[in-house]
Amino acid sequence: MAADEMLMQWHREGRIAPVLRFYGWKPGGFSVGYFQKTKKRFNLEEIKKRGFELVRRPTGGQAVLHHQELTYSIIVSEDHPGVPSTIKEAYKVLSQGLLIGFDNLGIQAEFALPADSKPKGTANCFEEASWYEINVDGKKAAGSAQTRQKGVILQHGSIPIWLKQEDLLELFVYPSDRVKERAYKSFRNKAVSLQEFISEQTTMEEIRDAFYDGFQRGLGVTFEKLELEEEQLQTIKELAKEKYQNHEFLYAR
């Protein structure tokens, strides 16, 4: 999270071009949206018990478990050519690469176009699809969140490769066993991961390459590798310690 925040700043200052970044989590991370409340919403003991770490994202949206997945972030100026001014349409443009990436893996995916775009009140990102997120067989296959800060857009995305529903659903606090049981049943009908469509022999590198090509073609660009300097890496580490590992920030809400 600290890396994405600093990449936004360096792009805003003109030090780097727009960025596409792929990354993973070790240990697994349970990220909550910037405005999301943590008190009485999440089972903090269970998060620790399962070996995950809680983190608050700079982007909005609902909680996401980042474990055995491909995570991406896109950082680009709001006034960059081809980037729409509205959040909804920007999602569509920036997420075109996801559709092509799924297609590269032999998976037919489509944009989610909810009839009712109002949030349902769930704390779980994969409980429902938002505008222009990705569905496969009518189930959510990738979650995205976005923020705009001082003229720069950051869009985060989560592409689960293998998902054990207990690892996610046990991290929430439920008002009753009946509500919990309903959440389990609902989740099976609403979320899906790559494991259900790709060969067991498919490597992380092949998955990453599929979406790398997808974003190049979807955005109509050719990427160049960005190597961060040691000073920049140290700045990221310092921000992580001061902000994203700070309990006051994590549990601010």
Protein backbone atom coordinates (compact mmCIF):
# COMPACT_ATOMS: atom_id res chain seq x y z
CA MET A 1 0.00 0.00 0.00
CA ALA A 2 2.86 2.33 0.80
CA ALA A 3 4.43 1.56 -2.58
CA ASP A 4 1.23 2.49 -4.41
CA GLU A 5 0.91 5.74 -2.46
CA MET A 6 4.49 6.76 -3.25
CA LEU A 7 4.13 5.79 -6.92
CA MET A 8 1.12 8.12 -7.05
CA GLN A 9 3.19 10.94 -5.57
CA TRP A 10 6.14 10.39 -7.93
CA HIS A 11 3.80 10.27 -10.93
CA ARG A 12 2.11 13.49 -9.75
CA GLU A 13 5.53 15.14 -9.53
CA GLY A 14 6.38 14.00 -13.07
CA ARG A 15 9.21 11.75 -11.92
CA ILE A 16 7.69 8.57 -13.37
CA ALA A 17 5.22 7.68 -16.13
CA PRO A 18 1.85 6.01 -15.50
CA VAL A 19 2.36 2.65 -13.79
CA LEU A 20 0.95 -0.86 -14.02
CA ARG A 21 2.11 -2.93 -11.07
CA PHE A 22 1.57 -6.62 -10.30
CA TYR A 23 2.25 -7.98 -6.84
CA GLY A 24 1.37 -10.66 -4.30
CA TRP A 25 1.11 -10.89 -0.50
CA LYS A 26 3.27 -12.79 1.96
CA PRO A 27 1.80 -13.37 4.44
CA GLY A 28 -1.72 -13.05 3.10
CA GLY A 29 -3.33 -9.66 3.67
CA PHE A 30 -6.87 -8.78 4.66
CA SER A 31 -7.39 -5.27 3.32
CA VAL A 32 -10.22 -2.98 4.32
CA GLY A 33 -11.34 0.04 2.34
CA TYR A 34 -10.11 3.47 3.35
CA PHE A 35 -13.51 4.53 4.75
CA GLN A 36 -14.53 1.12 6.10
CA LYS A 37 -15.17 0.59 9.81
CA THR A 38 -13.28 -2.18 11.58
CA LYS A 39 -14.98 -2.21 14.98
CA LYS A 40 -17.44 -5.08 15.33
CA ARG A 41 -17.14 -5.82 11.61
CA PHE A 42 -14.15 -8.16 11.48
CA ASN A 43 -12.89 -11.03 13.62
CA LEU A 44 -9.41 -9.76 14.45
CA GLU A 45 -8.46 -12.91 16.38
CA GLU A 46 -9.42 -15.11 13.43
CA ILE A 47 -7.41 -12.95 11.03
CA LYS A 48 -4.32 -13.45 13.20
CA LYS A 49 -5.06 -17.15 13.77
CA ARG A 50 -5.13 -17.84 10.03
CA GLY A 51 -1.82 -16.08 9.51
CA PHE A 52 -3.12 -12.99 7.73
CA GLU A 53 -2.34 -9.33 8.39
CA LEU A 54 -4.89 -6.52 8.47
CA VAL A 55 -4.14 -3.50 6.28
CA ARG A 56 -6.13 -0.40 5.35
CA ARG A 57 -6.04 0.51 1.67
CA PRO A 58 -5.81 4.05 0.30
CA THR A 59 -8.67 3.06 -2.03
CA GLY A 60 -12.31 2.72 -1.06
CA GLY A 61 -14.57 -0.30 -1.33
CA GLN A 62 -15.13 -3.33 0.86
CA ALA A 63 -12.84 -5.86 2.55
CA VAL A 64 -10.72 -8.20 0.41
CA LEU A 65 -8.60 -11.23 1.31
CA HIS A 66 -5.34 -11.14 -0.67
CA HIS A 67 -4.10 -14.71 -0.55
CA GLN A 68 -3.03 -16.88 -3.48
CA GLU A 69 -4.04 -14.22 -5.95
CA LEU A 70 -2.67 -11.77 -8.49
CA THR A 71 -3.03 -8.17 -7.35
CA TYR A 72 -2.62 -5.24 -9.70
CA SER A 73 -2.57 -1.48 -9.41
CA ILE A 74 -2.85 1.17 -12.11
CA ILE A 75 -1.61 4.71 -11.45
CA VAL A 76 -2.36 7.43 -14.00
CA SER A 77 -3.17 11.15 -14.07
CA GLU A 78 -6.82 12.13 -14.34
CA ASP A 79 -6.00 14.31 -17.36
CA HIS A 80 -4.10 11.56 -19.19
CA PRO A 81 -5.38 11.17 -22.79
CA GLY A 82 -8.14 8.56 -22.98
CA VAL A 83 -8.97 8.55 -19.27
CA PRO A 84 -12.66 9.47 -18.75
CA SER A 85 -13.57 12.08 -16.16
CA THR A 86 -16.22 9.95 -14.43
CA ILE A 87 -15.27 7.16 -12.03
CA LYS A 88 -17.65 4.66 -13.63
CA GLU A 89 -16.33 5.16 -17.16
CA ALA A 90 -12.73 5.21 -15.93
CA TYR A 91 -13.32 1.77 -14.43
CA LYS A 92 -14.48 0.58 -17.83
CA VAL A 93 -11.43 1.88 -19.65
CA LEU A 94 -8.86 0.79 -17.07
CA SER A 95 -10.44 -2.65 -16.70
CA GLN A 96 -10.51 -3.54 -20.41
CA GLY A 97 -7.18 -5.27 -19.87
CA LEU A 98 -8.78 -7.63 -17.37
CA LEU A 99 -11.25 -8.89 -19.96
CA ILE A 100 -8.45 -9.56 -22.43
CA GLY A 101 -6.35 -11.18 -19.70
CA PHE A 102 -9.12 -13.63 -18.86
CA ASP A 103 -9.55 -14.33 -22.57
CA ASN A 104 -5.81 -15.05 -22.84
CA LEU A 105 -6.36 -17.76 -20.23
CA GLY A 106 -9.25 -19.22 -22.22
CA ILE A 107 -11.89 -17.80 -19.86
CA GLN A 108 -14.92 -15.94 -21.17
CA ALA A 109 -15.46 -12.98 -18.89
CA GLU A 110 -17.73 -9.94 -19.08
CA PHE A 111 -18.27 -6.63 -17.36
CA ALA A 112 -20.71 -6.58 -14.48
CA LEU A 113 -23.59 -4.19 -15.15
CA PRO A 114 -25.69 -4.23 -11.97
CA ALA A 115 -29.33 -3.27 -12.38
CA ASP A 116 -29.09 -1.63 -8.97
CA SER A 117 -25.74 0.04 -8.33
CA LYS A 118 -26.54 0.97 -4.74
CA PRO A 119 -24.35 -0.85 -2.19
CA LYS A 120 -26.11 -3.61 -0.25
CA GLY A 121 -24.30 -2.91 3.02
CA THR A 122 -22.05 -5.97 2.92
CA ALA A 123 -18.48 -5.63 4.20
CA ASN A 124 -17.20 -8.29 1.78
CA CYS A 125 -15.96 -7.13 -1.64
CA PHE A 126 -16.82 -10.43 -3.34
CA GLU A 127 -20.40 -10.46 -2.12
CA GLU A 128 -21.48 -8.26 -5.02
CA ALA A 129 -20.17 -6.78 -8.26
CA SER A 130 -19.90 -3.07 -8.90
CA TRP A 131 -20.07 -1.33 -12.28
CA TYR A 132 -17.55 -2.70 -14.82
CA GLU A 133 -16.01 -5.27 -12.52
CA ILE A 134 -15.48 -8.73 -13.97
CA ASN A 135 -17.94 -11.63 -13.99
CA VAL A 136 -17.41 -15.20 -15.17
CA ASP A 137 -20.50 -17.39 -15.49
CA GLY A 138 -22.44 -14.70 -13.65
CA LYS A 139 -20.09 -14.74 -10.66
CA LYS A 140 -17.60 -12.11 -9.57
CA ALA A 141 -14.06 -13.08 -10.64
CA ALA A 142 -12.12 -9.88 -9.92
CA GLY A 143 -12.67 -7.01 -7.51
CA SER A 144 -11.54 -3.43 -8.01
CA ALA A 145 -11.35 -0.23 -5.96
CA GLN A 146 -10.34 3.27 -6.93
CA THR A 147 -9.25 6.56 -5.42
CA ARG A 148 -8.41 9.96 -6.91
CA GLN A 149 -5.94 12.12 -5.03
CA LYS A 150 -4.65 15.49 -6.22
CA GLY A 151 -5.18 14.71 -9.88
CA VAL A 152 -3.95 11.11 -9.88
CA ILE A 153 -6.03 7.92 -10.13
CA LEU A 154 -5.11 4.72 -8.28
CA GLN A 155 -7.11 1.63 -9.20
CA HIS A 156 -6.49 -1.55 -7.23
CA GLY A 157 -7.63 -4.96 -8.37
CA SER A 158 -7.78 -8.45 -6.87
CA ILE A 159 -7.79 -11.56 -9.10
CA PRO A 160 -8.19 -14.65 -6.88
CA ILE A 161 -6.38 -17.71 -8.23
CA TRP A 162 -7.36 -20.11 -5.48
CA LEU A 163 -9.93 -19.21 -2.85
CA LYS A 164 -10.96 -21.17 0.22
CA GLN A 165 -14.22 -19.59 1.28
CA GLU A 166 -13.65 -20.34 4.97
CA ASP A 167 -10.44 -18.29 4.92
CA LEU A 168 -12.46 -15.26 3.88
CA LEU A 169 -15.87 -15.68 5.48
CA GLU A 170 -14.57 -16.59 8.94
CA LEU A 171 -12.90 -13.18 9.12
CA PHE A 172 -16.21 -11.33 9.47
CA VAL A 173 -18.39 -10.79 12.53
CA TYR A 174 -21.99 -11.96 12.08
CA PRO A 175 -24.99 -10.94 14.19
CA SER A 176 -26.23 -14.55 14.29
CA ASP A 177 -25.48 -18.08 13.07
CA ARG A 178 -28.36 -17.78 10.63
CA VAL A 179 -26.81 -14.71 8.99
CA LYS A 180 -23.46 -16.49 8.83
CA GLU A 181 -25.01 -19.54 7.19
CA ARG A 182 -26.74 -17.29 4.67
CA ALA A 183 -23.41 -15.58 3.89
CA TYR A 184 -21.78 -18.93 3.11
CA LYS A 185 -24.62 -19.95 0.83
CA SER A 186 -24.65 -16.57 -0.92
CA PHE A 187 -20.89 -16.54 -1.44
CA ARG A 188 -20.91 -19.85 -3.31
CA ASN A 189 -23.36 -18.37 -5.78
CA LYS A 190 -21.65 -15.00 -6.22
CA ALA A 191 -17.87 -15.49 -6.32
CA VAL A 192 -15.45 -17.55 -8.39
CA SER A 193 -11.66 -17.94 -8.70
CA LEU A 194 -9.30 -18.90 -11.53
CA GLN A 195 -8.77 -22.40 -10.13
CA GLU A 196 -12.15 -23.45 -11.49
CA PHE A 197 -11.17 -22.66 -15.09
CA ILE A 198 -7.44 -23.17 -15.55
CA SER A 199 -5.13 -26.18 -15.48
CA GLU A 200 -3.40 -27.06 -12.21
CA GLN A 201 -0.12 -26.76 -14.13
CA THR A 202 -0.71 -23.08 -14.93
CA THR A 203 2.00 -21.02 -13.24
CA MET A 204 1.78 -17.61 -11.60
CA GLU A 205 4.11 -16.29 -14.33
CA GLU A 206 1.71 -17.47 -17.04
CA ILE A 207 -1.22 -15.83 -15.27
CA ARG A 208 0.68 -12.58 -14.80
CA ASP A 209 1.81 -12.60 -18.45
CA ALA A 210 -1.79 -13.10 -19.60
CA PHE A 211 -2.93 -9.96 -17.79
CA TYR A 212 0.23 -8.02 -18.66
CA ASP A 213 -0.57 -8.60 -22.33
CA GLY A 214 -4.22 -7.83 -21.62
CA PHE A 215 -3.49 -4.42 -20.14
CA GLN A 216 -1.08 -3.54 -22.96
CA ARG A 217 -3.71 -4.34 -25.56
CA GLY A 218 -6.62 -2.95 -23.57
CA LEU A 219 -4.91 0.38 -22.93
CA GLY A 220 -3.13 0.49 -26.30
CA VAL A 221 0.31 1.03 -24.75
CA THR A 222 3.71 -0.65 -24.58
CA PHE A 223 5.05 -0.98 -21.05
CA GLU A 224 8.64 -0.35 -20.03
CA LYS A 225 10.15 -1.81 -16.88
CA LEU A 226 10.44 0.60 -13.95
CA GLU A 227 13.38 0.06 -11.61
CA LEU A 228 13.10 1.91 -8.32
CA GLU A 229 16.23 3.37 -6.77
CA GLU A 230 17.38 2.31 -3.32
CA GLU A 231 16.40 5.71 -1.92
CA GLN A 232 12.87 5.27 -3.27
CA LEU A 233 12.60 1.78 -1.78
CA GLN A 234 13.69 3.16 1.59
CA THR A 235 11.06 5.92 1.37
CA ILE A 236 8.39 3.26 0.78
CA LYS A 237 9.55 1.26 3.80
CA GLU A 238 9.45 4.36 6.01
CA LEU A 239 5.91 5.24 4.90
CA ALA A 240 4.78 1.66 5.51
CA LYS A 241 6.10 1.81 9.07
CA GLU A 242 4.80 5.29 9.84
CA LYS A 243 1.34 4.89 8.29
CA TYR A 244 0.23 1.49 7.07
CA GLN A 245 1.62 -0.45 10.04
CA ASN A 246 0.39 2.20 12.48
CA HIS A 247 -2.48 0.91 14.65
CA GLU A 248 -4.08 4.34 14.82
CA PHE A 249 -4.43 4.35 11.03
CA LEU A 250 -5.49 0.69 10.83
CA TYR A 251 -8.24 1.05 13.42
CA ALA A 252 -9.11 4.70 12.79
CA ARG A 253 -12.74 3.74 12.14
